[in-house]
C-alpha atoms as a PDB file:
ATOM      1  CA  MET A   1     144.951 199.124 305.252  1.00  0.00           C
ATOM      2  CA  ASN A   2     146.423 196.330 304.934  1.00  0.00           C
ATOM      3  CA  ALA A   3     144.310 193.413 306.789  1.00  0.00           C
ATOM      4  CA  ASP A   4     147.077 191.055 307.177  1.00  0.00           C
ATOM      5  CA  LEU A   5     149.744 193.582 308.975  1.00  0.00           C
ATOM      6  CA  SER A   6     146.167 194.866 311.110  1.00  0.00           C
ATOM      7  CA  THR A   7     145.521 191.789 312.267  1.00  0.00           C
ATOM      8  CA  ILE A   8     149.555 190.907 313.248  1.00  0.00           C
ATOM      9  CA  ALA A   9     149.695 194.081 315.367  1.00  0.00           C
ATOM     10  CA  LEU A  10     146.961 194.129 317.214  1.00  0.00           C
ATOM     11  CA  ASN A  11     148.826 191.447 318.738  1.00  0.00           C
ATOM     12  CA  PHE A  12     150.405 193.789 320.769  1.00  0.00           C
ATOM     13  CA  GLN A  13     150.005 195.997 324.120  1.00  0.00           C
ATOM     14  CA  LEU A  14     148.986 199.155 321.061  1.00  0.00           C
ATOM     15  CA  GLU A  15     147.667 202.045 322.687  1.00  0.00           C
ATOM     16  CA  GLY A  16     144.556 203.502 320.487  1.00  0.00           C
ATOM     17  CA  ILE A  17     142.709 202.791 317.399  1.00  0.00           C
ATOM     18  CA  ILE A  18     144.950 201.403 314.157  1.00  0.00           C
ATOM     19  CA  ASP A  19     144.602 204.111 311.242  1.00  0.00           C
ATOM     20  CA  GLU A  20     146.748 202.392 308.631  1.00  0.00           C
ATOM     21  CA  VAL A  21     150.043 199.724 308.616  1.00  0.00           C
ATOM     22  CA  LYS A  22     152.680 201.088 306.086  1.00  0.00           C
ATOM     23  CA  GLN A  23     155.883 200.177 305.431  1.00  0.00           C
ATOM     24  CA  LEU A  24     158.978 202.070 305.537  1.00  0.00           C
ATOM     25  CA  GLY A  25     162.344 201.946 303.929  1.00  0.00           C
ATOM     26  CA  GLU A  26     163.708 199.411 302.024  1.00  0.00           C
ATOM     27  CA  GLY A  27     164.107 196.247 304.805  1.00  0.00           C
ATOM     28  CA  PHE A  28     167.347 195.278 304.222  1.00  0.00           C
ATOM     29  CA  ILE A  29     167.705 192.053 306.733  1.00  0.00           C
ATOM     30  CA  ASN A  30     163.607 192.594 308.440  1.00  0.00           C
ATOM     31  CA  ASP A  31     160.868 193.736 306.596  1.00  0.00           C
ATOM     32  CA  THR A  32     159.886 196.540 308.553  1.00  0.00           C
ATOM     33  CA  PHE A  33     156.526 199.215 308.783  1.00  0.00           C
ATOM     34  CA  ILE A  34     154.893 202.722 310.825  1.00  0.00           C
ATOM     35  CA  ILE A  35     151.662 201.773 312.605  1.00  0.00           C
ATOM     36  CA  THR A  36     149.809 205.091 312.884  1.00  0.00           C
ATOM     37  CA  THR A  37     147.030 205.317 315.710  1.00  0.00           C
ATOM     38  CA  GLU A  38     143.952 207.571 315.485  1.00  0.00           C
ATOM     39  CA  GLY A  39     143.742 210.630 317.841  1.00  0.00           C
ATOM     40  CA  LYS A  40     146.442 211.255 319.975  1.00  0.00           C
ATOM     41  CA  SER A  41     148.073 207.664 320.835  1.00  0.00           C
ATOM     42  CA  PRO A  42     151.284 206.915 319.868  1.00  0.00           C
ATOM     43  CA  THR A  43     152.902 205.977 316.164  1.00  0.00           C
ATOM     44  CA  TYR A  44     154.846 202.696 316.423  1.00  0.00           C
ATOM     45  CA  ILE A  45     157.505 200.712 314.504  1.00  0.00           C
ATOM     46  CA  LEU A  46     156.181 197.048 313.860  1.00  0.00           C
ATOM     47  CA  GLN A  47     158.733 194.604 312.167  1.00  0.00           C
ATOM     48  CA  ARG A  48     159.290 191.113 311.509  1.00  0.00           C
ATOM     49  CA  LYS A  49     162.636 189.925 312.414  1.00  0.00           C
ATOM     50  CA  ASN A  50     165.362 187.278 309.874  1.00  0.00           C
ATOM     51  CA  LYS A  51     164.823 184.722 311.588  1.00  0.00           C
ATOM     52  CA  ALA A  52     167.847 183.662 309.407  1.00  0.00           C
ATOM     53  CA  ILE A  53     170.872 186.187 310.463  1.00  0.00           C
ATOM     54  CA  PHE A  54     169.892 186.226 314.030  1.00  0.00           C
ATOM     55  CA  SER A  55     168.999 183.528 315.974  1.00  0.00           C
ATOM     56  CA  PRO A  56     166.832 182.858 319.214  1.00  0.00           C
ATOM     57  CA  ILE A  57     165.179 185.451 317.650  1.00  0.00           C
ATOM     58  CA  PRO A  58     163.655 185.192 322.295  1.00  0.00           C
ATOM     59  CA  ALA A  59     166.811 186.155 322.937  1.00  0.00           C
ATOM     60  CA  MET A  60     167.455 188.727 320.673  1.00  0.00           C
ATOM     61  CA  MET A  61     164.811 191.104 322.083  1.00  0.00           C
ATOM     62  CA  ASP A  62     165.631 189.723 325.451  1.00  0.00           C
ATOM     63  CA  ASN A  63     169.037 191.007 324.799  1.00  0.00           C
ATOM     64  CA  ILE A  64     167.164 193.731 323.672  1.00  0.00           C
ATOM     65  CA  GLU A  65     165.327 194.957 326.424  1.00  0.00           C
ATOM     66  CA  LYS A  66     167.686 194.656 328.914  1.00  0.00           C
ATOM     67  CA  VAL A  67     170.462 196.913 326.853  1.00  0.00           C
ATOM     68  CA  CYS A  68     166.421 199.628 326.883  1.00  0.00           C
ATOM     69  CA  GLN A  69     165.725 199.047 330.410  1.00  0.00           C
ATOM     70  CA  HIS A  70     169.406 200.337 331.193  1.00  0.00           C
ATOM     71  CA  ILE A  71     169.487 203.042 329.092  1.00  0.00           C
ATOM     72  CA  LYS A  72     165.914 204.299 330.199  1.00  0.00           C
ATOM     73  CA  GLY A  73     167.584 204.158 334.370  1.00  0.00           C
ATOM     74  CA  LYS A  74     170.600 205.966 332.947  1.00  0.00           C
ATOM     75  CA  VAL A  75     168.589 209.071 331.038  1.00  0.00           C
ATOM     76  CA  LYS A  76     165.873 208.955 334.220  1.00  0.00           C
ATOM     77  CA  ALA A  77     168.506 209.446 337.651  1.00  0.00           C
ATOM     78  CA  ALA A  78     169.780 212.714 335.193  1.00  0.00           C
ATOM     79  CA  GLY A  79     167.056 213.722 334.519  1.00  0.00           C
ATOM     80  CA  GLY A  80     166.052 213.311 330.959  1.00  0.00           C
ATOM     81  CA  ASP A  81     163.231 211.407 329.376  1.00  0.00           C
ATOM     82  CA  PRO A  82     163.494 207.745 329.105  1.00  0.00           C
ATOM     83  CA  MET A  83     160.669 208.137 326.017  1.00  0.00           C
ATOM     84  CA  ARG A  84     162.601 209.521 324.113  1.00  0.00           C
ATOM     85  CA  GLU A  85     166.746 209.010 324.792  1.00  0.00           C
ATOM     86  CA  ALA A  86     166.070 205.554 324.859  1.00  0.00           C
ATOM     87  CA  MET A  87     164.169 202.583 322.484  1.00  0.00           C
ATOM     88  CA  THR A  88     161.157 201.637 324.147  1.00  0.00           C
ATOM     89  CA  VAL A  89     159.900 197.880 323.329  1.00  0.00           C
ATOM     90  CA  ILE A  90     155.822 197.109 323.403  1.00  0.00           C
ATOM     91  CA  PRO A  91     155.501 193.486 324.130  1.00  0.00           C
ATOM     92  CA  ALA A  92     152.474 191.846 323.050  1.00  0.00           C
ATOM     93  CA  LYS A  93     149.693 190.135 324.748  1.00  0.00           C
ATOM     94  CA  ASP A  94     151.099 187.338 326.540  1.00  0.00           C
ATOM     95  CA  GLY A  95     153.707 189.297 328.347  1.00  0.00           C
ATOM     96  CA  LYS A  96     156.369 188.621 325.532  1.00  0.00           C
ATOM     97  CA  LEU A  97     158.218 190.924 323.568  1.00  0.00           C
ATOM     98  CA  TYR A  98     158.090 188.870 320.704  1.00  0.00           C
ATOM     99  CA  TRP A  99     154.438 187.822 318.417  1.00  0.00           C
ATOM    100  CA  LEU A 100     154.591 184.652 316.356  1.00  0.00           C
ATOM    101  CA  ASP A 101     152.679 183.908 314.091  1.00  0.00           C
ATOM    102  CA  ALA A 102     151.188 180.733 312.352  1.00  0.00           C
ATOM    103  CA  GLU A 103     154.505 180.500 309.381  1.00  0.00           C
ATOM    104  CA  GLU A 104     156.484 180.773 312.520  1.00  0.00           C
ATOM    105  CA  GLU A 105     157.965 184.710 311.367  1.00  0.00           C
ATOM    106  CA  TYR A 106     158.564 186.494 314.523  1.00  0.00           C
ATOM    107  CA  TRP A 107     156.940 190.077 314.922  1.00  0.00           C
ATOM    108  CA  ALA A 108     158.752 193.017 317.420  1.00  0.00           C
ATOM    109  CA  VAL A 109     156.519 196.528 318.065  1.00  0.00           C
ATOM    110  CA  CYS A 110     158.794 199.795 319.304  1.00  0.00           C
ATOM    111  CA  LEU A 111     157.975 202.918 319.962  1.00  0.00           C
ATOM    112  CA  PHE A 112     158.086 204.991 317.981  1.00  0.00           C
ATOM    113  CA  ILE A 113     160.137 208.601 318.615  1.00  0.00           C
ATOM    114  CA  GLU A 114     158.272 211.733 317.564  1.00  0.00           C
ATOM    115  CA  ASP A 115     159.744 215.387 316.499  1.00  0.00           C
ATOM    116  CA  THR A 116     163.277 213.132 315.397  1.00  0.00           C
ATOM    117  CA  ILE A 117     166.365 213.765 312.585  1.00  0.00           C
ATOM    118  CA  ALA A 118     168.335 210.869 310.578  1.00  0.00           C
ATOM    119  CA  TYR A 119     170.516 211.374 308.168  1.00  0.00           C
ATOM    120  CA  ASP A 120     171.755 208.354 305.678  1.00  0.00           C
ATOM    121  CA  ALA A 121     175.049 209.582 305.830  1.00  0.00           C
ATOM    122  CA  ALA A 122     178.791 211.196 307.242  1.00  0.00           C
ATOM    123  CA  GLU A 123     179.162 213.541 304.886  1.00  0.00           C
ATOM    124  CA  THR A 124     180.466 216.395 306.548  1.00  0.00           C
ATOM    125  CA  PRO A 125     182.826 216.546 309.190  1.00  0.00           C
ATOM    126  CA  GLU A 126     180.478 218.053 311.358  1.00  0.00           C
ATOM    127  CA  LEU A 127     177.795 215.124 311.008  1.00  0.00           C
ATOM    128  CA  ALA A 128     179.997 211.930 310.984  1.00  0.00           C
ATOM    129  CA  TYR A 129     181.255 214.363 314.771  1.00  0.00           C
ATOM    130  CA  ALA A 130     178.539 213.526 316.156  1.00  0.00           C
ATOM    131  CA  GLY A 131     177.768 210.259 314.871  1.00  0.00           C
ATOM    132  CA  GLY A 132     180.707 209.911 317.312  1.00  0.00           C
ATOM    133  CA  LYS A 133     178.794 210.706 320.021  1.00  0.00           C
ATOM    134  CA  GLY A 134     175.806 209.131 319.618  1.00  0.00           C
ATOM    135  CA  ILE A 135     178.206 206.338 319.653  1.00  0.00           C
ATOM    136  CA  GLY A 136     180.260 207.013 322.960  1.00  0.00           C
ATOM    137  CA  LYS A 137     177.165 207.807 324.280  1.00  0.00           C
ATOM    138  CA  PHE A 138     174.937 204.470 323.916  1.00  0.00           C
ATOM    139  CA  GLN A 139     178.628 203.021 325.226  1.00  0.00           C
ATOM    140  CA  SER A 140     178.935 204.788 328.067  1.00  0.00           C
ATOM    141  CA  LEU A 141     174.922 204.594 328.849  1.00  0.00           C
ATOM    142  CA  VAL A 142     176.227 200.258 329.431  1.00  0.00           C
ATOM    143  CA  ALA A 143     179.512 200.260 330.656  1.00  0.00           C
ATOM    144  CA  ASP A 144     178.624 199.422 333.621  1.00  0.00           C
ATOM    145  CA  LEU A 145     175.815 196.378 332.331  1.00  0.00           C
ATOM    146  CA  ASN A 146     176.966 193.736 333.362  1.00  0.00           C
ATOM    147  CA  GLU A 147     174.035 191.467 332.837  1.00  0.00           C
ATOM    148  CA  PRO A 148     175.701 188.407 330.501  1.00  0.00           C
ATOM    149  CA  LEU A 149     173.837 189.113 326.405  1.00  0.00           C
ATOM    150  CA  VAL A 150     172.683 186.331 324.615  1.00  0.00           C
ATOM    151  CA  ASN A 151     175.303 186.127 321.102  1.00  0.00           C
ATOM    152  CA  ILE A 152     172.691 186.057 318.636  1.00  0.00           C
ATOM    153  CA  LEU A 153     175.578 186.756 316.755  1.00  0.00           C
ATOM    154  CA  PRO A 154     178.556 183.786 316.284  1.00  0.00           C
ATOM    155  CA  GLY A 155     181.769 184.703 315.097  1.00  0.00           C
ATOM    156  CA  PHE A 156     180.279 188.068 314.614  1.00  0.00           C
ATOM    157  CA  HIS A 157     183.372 190.268 314.247  1.00  0.00           C
ATOM    158  CA  ASP A 158     185.789 187.124 315.544  1.00  0.00           C
ATOM    159  CA  ILE A 159     189.361 187.283 312.911  1.00  0.00           C
ATOM    160  CA  ARG A 160     190.108 183.533 314.615  1.00  0.00           C
ATOM    161  CA  PHE A 161     186.345 182.403 313.197  1.00  0.00           C
ATOM    162  CA  ARG A 162     187.265 183.840 310.036  1.00  0.00           C
ATOM    163  CA  PHE A 163     190.634 182.727 309.519  1.00  0.00           C
ATOM    164  CA  ASN A 164     188.425 179.252 309.945  1.00  0.00           C
ATOM    165  CA  GLN A 165     186.185 179.737 307.548  1.00  0.00           C
ATOM    166  CA  TRP A 166     188.356 181.151 305.092  1.00  0.00           C
ATOM    167  CA  ASP A 167     191.153 178.472 305.363  1.00  0.00           C
ATOM    168  CA  GLU A 168     188.078 175.429 304.487  1.00  0.00           C
ATOM    169  CA  VAL A 169     187.163 177.300 301.927  1.00  0.00           C
ATOM    170  CA  ILE A 170     190.808 177.704 300.196  1.00  0.00           C
ATOM    171  CA  ALA A 171     190.584 174.362 300.461  1.00  0.00           C
ATOM    172  CA  LYS A 172     187.927 173.403 298.868  1.00  0.00           C
ATOM    173  CA  ASP A 173     187.952 176.280 296.340  1.00  0.00           C
ATOM    174  CA  PRO A 174     184.535 174.753 295.093  1.00  0.00           C
ATOM    175  CA  VAL A 175     184.144 176.697 292.030  1.00  0.00           C
ATOM    176  CA  GLY A 176     187.811 176.923 290.556  1.00  0.00           C
ATOM    177  CA  ARG A 177     188.207 181.062 290.722  1.00  0.00           C
ATOM    178  CA  LYS A 178     191.355 180.637 293.482  1.00  0.00           C
ATOM    179  CA  ALA A 179     193.936 180.864 290.785  1.00  0.00           C
ATOM    180  CA  GLU A 180     193.778 183.506 289.341  1.00  0.00           C
ATOM    181  CA  ILE A 181     192.915 185.442 292.831  1.00  0.00           C
ATOM    182  CA  ALA A 182     196.891 184.348 293.818  1.00  0.00           C
ATOM    183  CA  GLU A 183     197.124 188.293 294.477  1.00  0.00           C
ATOM    184  CA  GLU A 184     194.206 189.085 296.361  1.00  0.00           C
ATOM    185  CA  ILE A 185     195.066 186.363 298.731  1.00  0.00           C
ATOM    186  CA  SER A 186     198.468 187.473 299.589  1.00  0.00           C
ATOM    187  CA  TRP A 187     196.611 190.414 301.149  1.00  0.00           C
ATOM    188  CA  VAL A 188     194.575 188.473 303.569  1.00  0.00           C
ATOM    189  CA  GLU A 189     197.541 186.103 304.588  1.00  0.00           C
ATOM    190  CA  SER A 190     200.496 188.292 304.553  1.00  0.00           C
ATOM    191  CA  ARG A 191     197.791 190.430 307.283  1.00  0.00           C
ATOM    192  CA  ARG A 192     196.645 187.346 309.351  1.00  0.00           C
ATOM    193  CA  ASN A 193     199.594 186.478 312.216  1.00  0.00           C
ATOM    194  CA  GLU A 194     198.939 190.504 312.686  1.00  0.00           C
ATOM    195  CA  MET A 195     194.648 190.563 312.888  1.00  0.00           C
ATOM    196  CA  LEU A 196     195.623 187.535 315.246  1.00  0.00           C
ATOM    197  CA  ASP A 197     197.819 188.619 317.434  1.00  0.00           C
ATOM    198  CA  PHE A 198     195.057 191.474 318.007  1.00  0.00           C
ATOM    199  CA  TRP A 199     192.104 189.610 317.977  1.00  0.00           C
ATOM    200  CA  LYS A 200     194.021 187.433 321.765  1.00  0.00           C
ATOM    201  CA  LEU A 201     194.112 190.470 323.612  1.00  0.00           C
ATOM    202  CA  VAL A 202     190.389 190.712 323.452  1.00  0.00           C
ATOM    203  CA  GLU A 203     189.412 186.880 324.267  1.00  0.00           C
ATOM    204  CA  ASP A 204     192.582 186.710 326.486  1.00  0.00           C
ATOM    205  CA  GLY A 205     190.852 190.046 328.321  1.00  0.00           C
ATOM    206  CA  THR A 206     193.557 192.117 327.502  1.00  0.00           C
ATOM    207  CA  ILE A 207     191.081 194.143 325.661  1.00  0.00           C
ATOM    208  CA  ALA A 208     187.717 194.659 327.564  1.00  0.00           C
ATOM    209  CA  THR A 209     185.261 192.651 326.284  1.00  0.00           C
ATOM    210  CA  ARG A 210     182.030 195.127 326.693  1.00  0.00           C
ATOM    211  CA  VAL A 211     177.855 195.964 325.786  1.00  0.00           C
ATOM    212  CA  THR A 212     178.547 196.383 321.575  1.00  0.00           C
ATOM    213  CA  HIS A 213     176.190 197.823 319.093  1.00  0.00           C
ATOM    214  CA  ASN A 214     178.217 197.024 315.889  1.00  0.00           C
ATOM    215  CA  ASP A 215     175.473 198.565 313.497  1.00  0.00           C
ATOM    216  CA  THR A 216     177.379 201.784 313.672  1.00  0.00           C
ATOM    217  CA  LYS A 217     176.552 203.490 310.361  1.00  0.00           C
ATOM    218  CA  ILE A 218     174.760 207.530 311.651  1.00  0.00           C
ATOM    219  CA  ASN A 219     171.482 206.492 310.392  1.00  0.00           C
ATOM    220  CA  ASN A 220     170.814 203.829 313.758  1.00  0.00           C
ATOM    221  CA  ILE A 221     171.488 207.428 315.443  1.00  0.00           C
ATOM    222  CA  LEU A 222     168.107 209.898 316.034  1.00  0.00           C
ATOM    223  CA  PHE A 223     168.879 213.421 316.710  1.00  0.00           C
ATOM    224  CA  ASN A 224     167.057 216.309 317.919  1.00  0.00           C
ATOM    225  CA  LYS A 225     165.563 219.553 315.658  1.00  0.00           C
ATOM    226  CA  GLU A 226     168.651 221.320 317.624  1.00  0.00           C
ATOM    227  CA  GLY A 227     171.087 218.996 316.010  1.00  0.00           C
ATOM    228  CA  ASN A 228     171.779 217.357 319.720  1.00  0.00           C
ATOM    229  CA  VAL A 229     171.954 213.243 320.792  1.00  0.00           C
ATOM    230  CA  LEU A 230     169.558 212.014 321.541  1.00  0.00           C
ATOM    231  CA  CYS A 231     168.942 208.166 321.123  1.00  0.00           C
ATOM    232  CA  VAL A 232     170.820 204.583 319.062  1.00  0.00           C
ATOM    233  CA  ILE A 233     168.186 203.201 317.341  1.00  0.00           C
ATOM    234  CA  ASP A 234     168.038 199.172 315.348  1.00  0.00           C
ATOM    235  CA  LEU A 235     169.573 197.136 318.493  1.00  0.00           C
ATOM    236  CA  ASP A 236     169.083 193.578 317.147  1.00  0.00           C
ATOM    237  CA  THR A 237     172.889 192.960 316.964  1.00  0.00           C
ATOM    238  CA  VAL A 238     173.673 194.087 320.669  1.00  0.00           C
ATOM    239  CA  LEU A 239     176.759 192.075 321.832  1.00  0.00           C
ATOM    240  CA  ASN A 240     179.292 191.176 324.075  1.00  0.00           C
ATOM    241  CA  SER A 241     182.199 191.497 321.897  1.00  0.00           C
ATOM    242  CA  THR A 242     185.214 194.559 322.133  1.00  0.00           C
ATOM    243  CA  ALA A 243     183.610 198.525 322.281  1.00  0.00           C
ATOM    244  CA  LEU A 244     186.406 198.824 319.006  1.00  0.00           C
ATOM    245  CA  ASN A 245     184.658 197.273 316.792  1.00  0.00           C
ATOM    246  CA  ASP A 246     181.773 199.445 316.902  1.00  0.00           C
ATOM    247  CA  PHE A 247     184.206 202.470 316.580  1.00  0.00           C
ATOM    248  CA  GLY A 248     186.190 200.433 313.046  1.00  0.00           C
ATOM    249  CA  ASP A 249     183.169 199.808 312.112  1.00  0.00           C
ATOM    250  CA  ALA A 250     181.694 202.774 311.642  1.00  0.00           C
ATOM    251  CA  MET A 251     185.509 204.335 310.162  1.00  0.00           C
ATOM    252  CA  ARG A 252     185.511 202.102 307.812  1.00  0.00           C
ATOM    253  CA  SER A 253     182.020 202.975 306.221  1.00  0.00           C
ATOM    254  CA  TYR A 254     182.144 207.083 307.925  1.00  0.00           C
ATOM    255  CA  THR A 255     185.864 207.571 305.501  1.00  0.00           C
ATOM    256  CA  ASN A 256     185.383 205.716 302.284  1.00  0.00           C
ATOM    257  CA  THR A 257     185.662 208.453 300.048  1.00  0.00           C
ATOM    258  CA  GLY A 258     184.328 206.027 297.407  1.00  0.00           C
ATOM    259  CA  ALA A 259     181.458 203.319 297.267  1.00  0.00           C
ATOM    260  CA  GLU A 260     182.677 200.257 298.725  1.00  0.00           C
ATOM    261  CA  ASP A 261     182.093 198.376 295.378  1.00  0.00           C
ATOM    262  CA  ASP A 262     183.909 201.257 293.822  1.00  0.00           C
ATOM    263  CA  GLU A 263     185.035 200.221 290.145  1.00  0.00           C
ATOM    264  CA  ASN A 264     187.420 203.201 289.830  1.00  0.00           C
ATOM    265  CA  LEU A 265     189.550 202.493 292.917  1.00  0.00           C
ATOM    266  CA  ASP A 266     191.108 205.952 292.526  1.00  0.00           C
ATOM    267  CA  ASN A 267     187.743 207.097 294.172  1.00  0.00           C
ATOM    268  CA  VAL A 268     188.348 205.134 296.891  1.00  0.00           C
ATOM    269  CA  SER A 269     190.641 206.386 300.402  1.00  0.00           C
ATOM    270  CA  MET A 270     189.530 207.215 303.513  1.00  0.00           C
ATOM    271  CA  ASP A 271     189.661 211.366 304.913  1.00  0.00           C
ATOM    272  CA  ILE A 272     191.610 212.093 307.578  1.00  0.00           C
ATOM    273  CA  GLU A 273     188.966 214.832 308.552  1.00  0.00           C
ATOM    274  CA  ILE A 274     186.432 212.476 308.753  1.00  0.00           C
ATOM    275  CA  TYR A 275     188.046 210.301 311.336  1.00  0.00           C
ATOM    276  CA  LYS A 276     189.459 213.207 312.600  1.00  0.00           C
ATOM    277  CA  ALA A 277     186.195 214.209 313.429  1.00  0.00           C
ATOM    278  CA  PHE A 278     184.279 211.269 314.277  1.00  0.00           C
ATOM    279  CA  THR A 279     187.711 210.466 316.861  1.00  0.00           C
ATOM    280  CA  LYS A 280     187.103 213.743 318.539  1.00  0.00           C
ATOM    281  CA  GLY A 281     182.995 213.124 319.333  1.00  0.00           C
ATOM    282  CA  TYR A 282     183.809 209.623 320.279  1.00  0.00           C
ATOM    283  CA  LEU A 283     186.350 210.350 322.860  1.00  0.00           C
ATOM    284  CA  GLU A 284     184.785 213.117 324.178  1.00  0.00           C
ATOM    285  CA  GLU A 285     182.328 210.356 325.186  1.00  0.00           C
ATOM    286  CA  ALA A 286     184.278 207.571 325.358  1.00  0.00           C
ATOM    287  CA  LYS A 287     187.469 208.130 327.337  1.00  0.00           C
ATOM    288  CA  SER A 288     185.909 208.392 330.301  1.00  0.00           C
ATOM    289  CA  PHE A 289     185.742 204.066 330.517  1.00  0.00           C
ATOM    290  CA  LEU A 290     188.272 203.123 327.815  1.00  0.00           C
ATOM    291  CA  THR A 291     191.348 201.671 329.572  1.00  0.00           C
ATOM    292  CA  ALA A 292     194.860 202.098 328.267  1.00  0.00           C
ATOM    293  CA  LYS A 293     195.293 199.426 326.025  1.00  0.00           C
ATOM    294  CA  GLU A 294     191.424 200.106 324.730  1.00  0.00           C
ATOM    295  CA  ILE A 295     192.666 203.283 324.268  1.00  0.00           C
ATOM    296  CA  GLU A 296     196.275 201.660 322.565  1.00  0.00           C
ATOM    297  CA  TYR A 297     194.410 200.267 319.534  1.00  0.00           C
ATOM    298  CA  LEU A 298     191.507 202.285 319.061  1.00  0.00           C
ATOM    299  CA  ALA A 299     193.876 203.572 315.622  1.00  0.00           C
ATOM    300  CA  PHE A 300     193.812 199.981 314.483  1.00  0.00           C
ATOM    301  CA  SER A 301     190.696 198.014 314.509  1.00  0.00           C
ATOM    302  CA  ALA A 302     189.692 200.791 311.888  1.00  0.00           C
ATOM    303  CA  LYS A 303     191.829 198.204 309.952  1.00  0.00           C
ATOM    304  CA  TYR A 304     190.569 195.408 311.904  1.00  0.00           C
ATOM    305  CA  ILE A 305     187.591 195.527 311.149  1.00  0.00           C
ATOM    306  CA  THR A 306     187.847 196.943 307.090  1.00  0.00           C
ATOM    307  CA  TYR A 307     191.005 193.887 306.626  1.00  0.00           C
ATOM    308  CA  GLU A 308     187.246 191.537 308.203  1.00  0.00           C
ATOM    309  CA  GLN A 309     185.289 192.689 304.590  1.00  0.00           C
ATOM    310  CA  VAL A 310     188.436 192.424 302.882  1.00  0.00           C
ATOM    311  CA  LEU A 311     188.623 188.754 303.542  1.00  0.00           C
ATOM    312  CA  ARG A 312     184.709 188.421 303.956  1.00  0.00           C
ATOM    313  CA  PHE A 313     184.617 189.301 300.100  1.00  0.00           C
ATOM    314  CA  LEU A 314     187.177 187.648 298.896  1.00  0.00           C
ATOM    315  CA  MET A 315     185.716 184.785 300.681  1.00  0.00           C
ATOM    316  CA  ASP A 316     182.648 184.777 299.672  1.00  0.00           C
ATOM    317  CA  TYR A 317     184.177 185.110 295.971  1.00  0.00           C
ATOM    318  CA  ILE A 318     186.556 182.104 296.566  1.00  0.00           C
ATOM    319  CA  ASP A 319     183.071 180.106 297.367  1.00  0.00           C
ATOM    320  CA  GLY A 320     180.685 181.022 295.147  1.00  0.00           C
ATOM    321  CA  ASP A 321     178.261 183.896 296.238  1.00  0.00           C
ATOM    322  CA  ASN A 322     176.457 182.264 298.620  1.00  0.00           C
ATOM    323  CA  TYR A 323     176.062 185.066 300.899  1.00  0.00           C
ATOM    324  CA  TYR A 324     176.636 188.456 300.028  1.00  0.00           C
ATOM    325  CA  LYS A 325     173.763 189.620 297.101  1.00  0.00           C
ATOM    326  CA  THR A 326     175.729 189.984 293.984  1.00  0.00           C
ATOM    327  CA  LYS A 327     174.722 192.114 290.430  1.00  0.00           C
ATOM    328  CA  SER A 328     177.608 190.639 288.195  1.00  0.00           C
ATOM    329  CA  PRO A 329     180.190 187.392 288.682  1.00  0.00           C
ATOM    330  CA  GLU A 330     182.642 189.203 289.679  1.00  0.00           C
ATOM    331  CA  HIS A 331     181.093 191.982 291.820  1.00  0.00           C
ATOM    332  CA  ASN A 332     182.387 190.274 295.595  1.00  0.00           C
ATOM    333  CA  LEU A 333     186.054 190.644 294.155  1.00  0.00           C
ATOM    334  CA  VAL A 334     185.283 194.577 292.987  1.00  0.00           C
ATOM    335  CA  ARG A 335     184.162 195.054 296.153  1.00  0.00           C
ATOM    336  CA  THR A 336     187.677 192.981 297.225  1.00  0.00           C
ATOM    337  CA  ARG A 337     189.598 195.194 295.342  1.00  0.00           C
ATOM    338  CA  ALA A 338     187.517 198.590 296.486  1.00  0.00           C
ATOM    339  CA  GLN A 339     187.872 197.864 300.740  1.00  0.00           C
ATOM    340  CA  TYR A 340     192.435 196.719 300.167  1.00  0.00           C
ATOM    341  CA  LYS A 341     192.279 199.933 298.382  1.00  0.00           C
ATOM    342  CA  LEU A 342     190.701 201.733 301.871  1.00  0.00           C
ATOM    343  CA  LEU A 343     192.998 199.499 304.078  1.00  0.00           C
ATOM    344  CA  GLN A 344     195.790 200.296 302.783  1.00  0.00           C
ATOM    345  CA  SER A 345     194.747 203.989 302.557  1.00  0.00           C
ATOM    346  CA  MET A 346     194.702 203.225 306.713  1.00  0.00           C
ATOM    347  CA  GLU A 347     197.874 201.941 306.903  1.00  0.00           C
ATOM    348  CA  GLU A 348     199.501 204.526 304.683  1.00  0.00           C
ATOM    349  CA  GLN A 349     198.109 207.191 307.509  1.00  0.00           C
ATOM    350  CA  PHE A 350     198.219 205.584 310.274  1.00  0.00           C
ATOM    351  CA  ASP A 351     201.000 207.069 312.082  1.00  0.00           C
ATOM    352  CA  GLU A 352     198.118 210.227 312.104  1.00  0.00           C
ATOM    353  CA  MET A 353     195.547 208.470 313.023  1.00  0.00           C
ATOM    354  CA  ASN A 354     197.797 207.053 316.054  1.00  0.00           C
ATOM    355  CA  LYS A 355     198.303 210.957 316.979  1.00  0.00           C
ATOM    356  CA  ILE A 356     194.245 212.458 316.327  1.00  0.00           C
ATOM    357  CA  VAL A 357     193.279 209.909 318.893  1.00  0.00           C
ATOM    358  CA  LYS A 358     196.722 211.341 321.572  1.00  0.00           C
ATOM    359  CA  GLU A 359     195.523 214.576 320.988  1.00  0.00           C
ATOM    360  CA  PHE A 360     191.735 213.983 322.224  1.00  0.00           C
ATOM    361  CA  VAL A 361     192.531 211.858 324.924  1.00  0.00           C
ATOM    362  CA  ALA A 362     195.256 213.730 326.446  1.00  0.00           C
END
């Protein structure tokens, strides 16, 4: 047993006696551990929250608790099991939703949901459909949550904010890379107005602001053993934004036939069958609350989020690779080109993408 981790875990309102605390997963953002207890007492998830990314952590935990309690109320009213169909945050012994250690690191605990299935990738239309239902279900459960959430990720998916960063980096050209990538810079600039026109609709309220998850990869969805959506987890990124960001982000990751940093661009395209399956599942759950304007821009959101990633990878390359971890001096440039190839594939299939949306809202 890791004595330090066990001591940390003892600061929370756990049932039973701790048996073991061990690492769970690779922990790209948070450090995650699983707490097992003796006998039939529950199992828990312990995390050290990344204060360099999420700030302030107490507000983030408040966001999570608001969303969890709202979903639990909806599940209970529908006759479901709120302990399995929603995350459960376990408070610290002082009643707070986190514990602050002597090094000013933030720790949080939630209940581990037993007998569930998770997938690392949506490699088939069937899994993409299930993922779409999962995100649509989550959004439908929080569609009437009107209590504002604290923005713990300022500028997240805000293209105006990203352009301000972009213009500063382009003007400074701190490591002298701008001259060699004029073509790539033109990819970003040629679509600036199109992307800003979309974002204006969010800013002026034409496209609604809702509670959104903002990390819609399929391994954040738990399924029961029958293969049905149980709940969405990993709520650190919940924010008030447009629901389209969740759809677009999923499509950027689900539909790519290659890797995000694929050096062979022939591998990269948008799989329209995966797009169709996800869209079907998503709209089965979400079309009841989406507005006509949101539906109109649903397919566009896939282009928007993918474009944003082109811009961010290229911006980091120009800036000297200060944000994303890189494996080589040109890694961010490789990522830029691969994401741009995906964006081009989406643009080529955009009419079909819109037809698919219309088919499932008819």
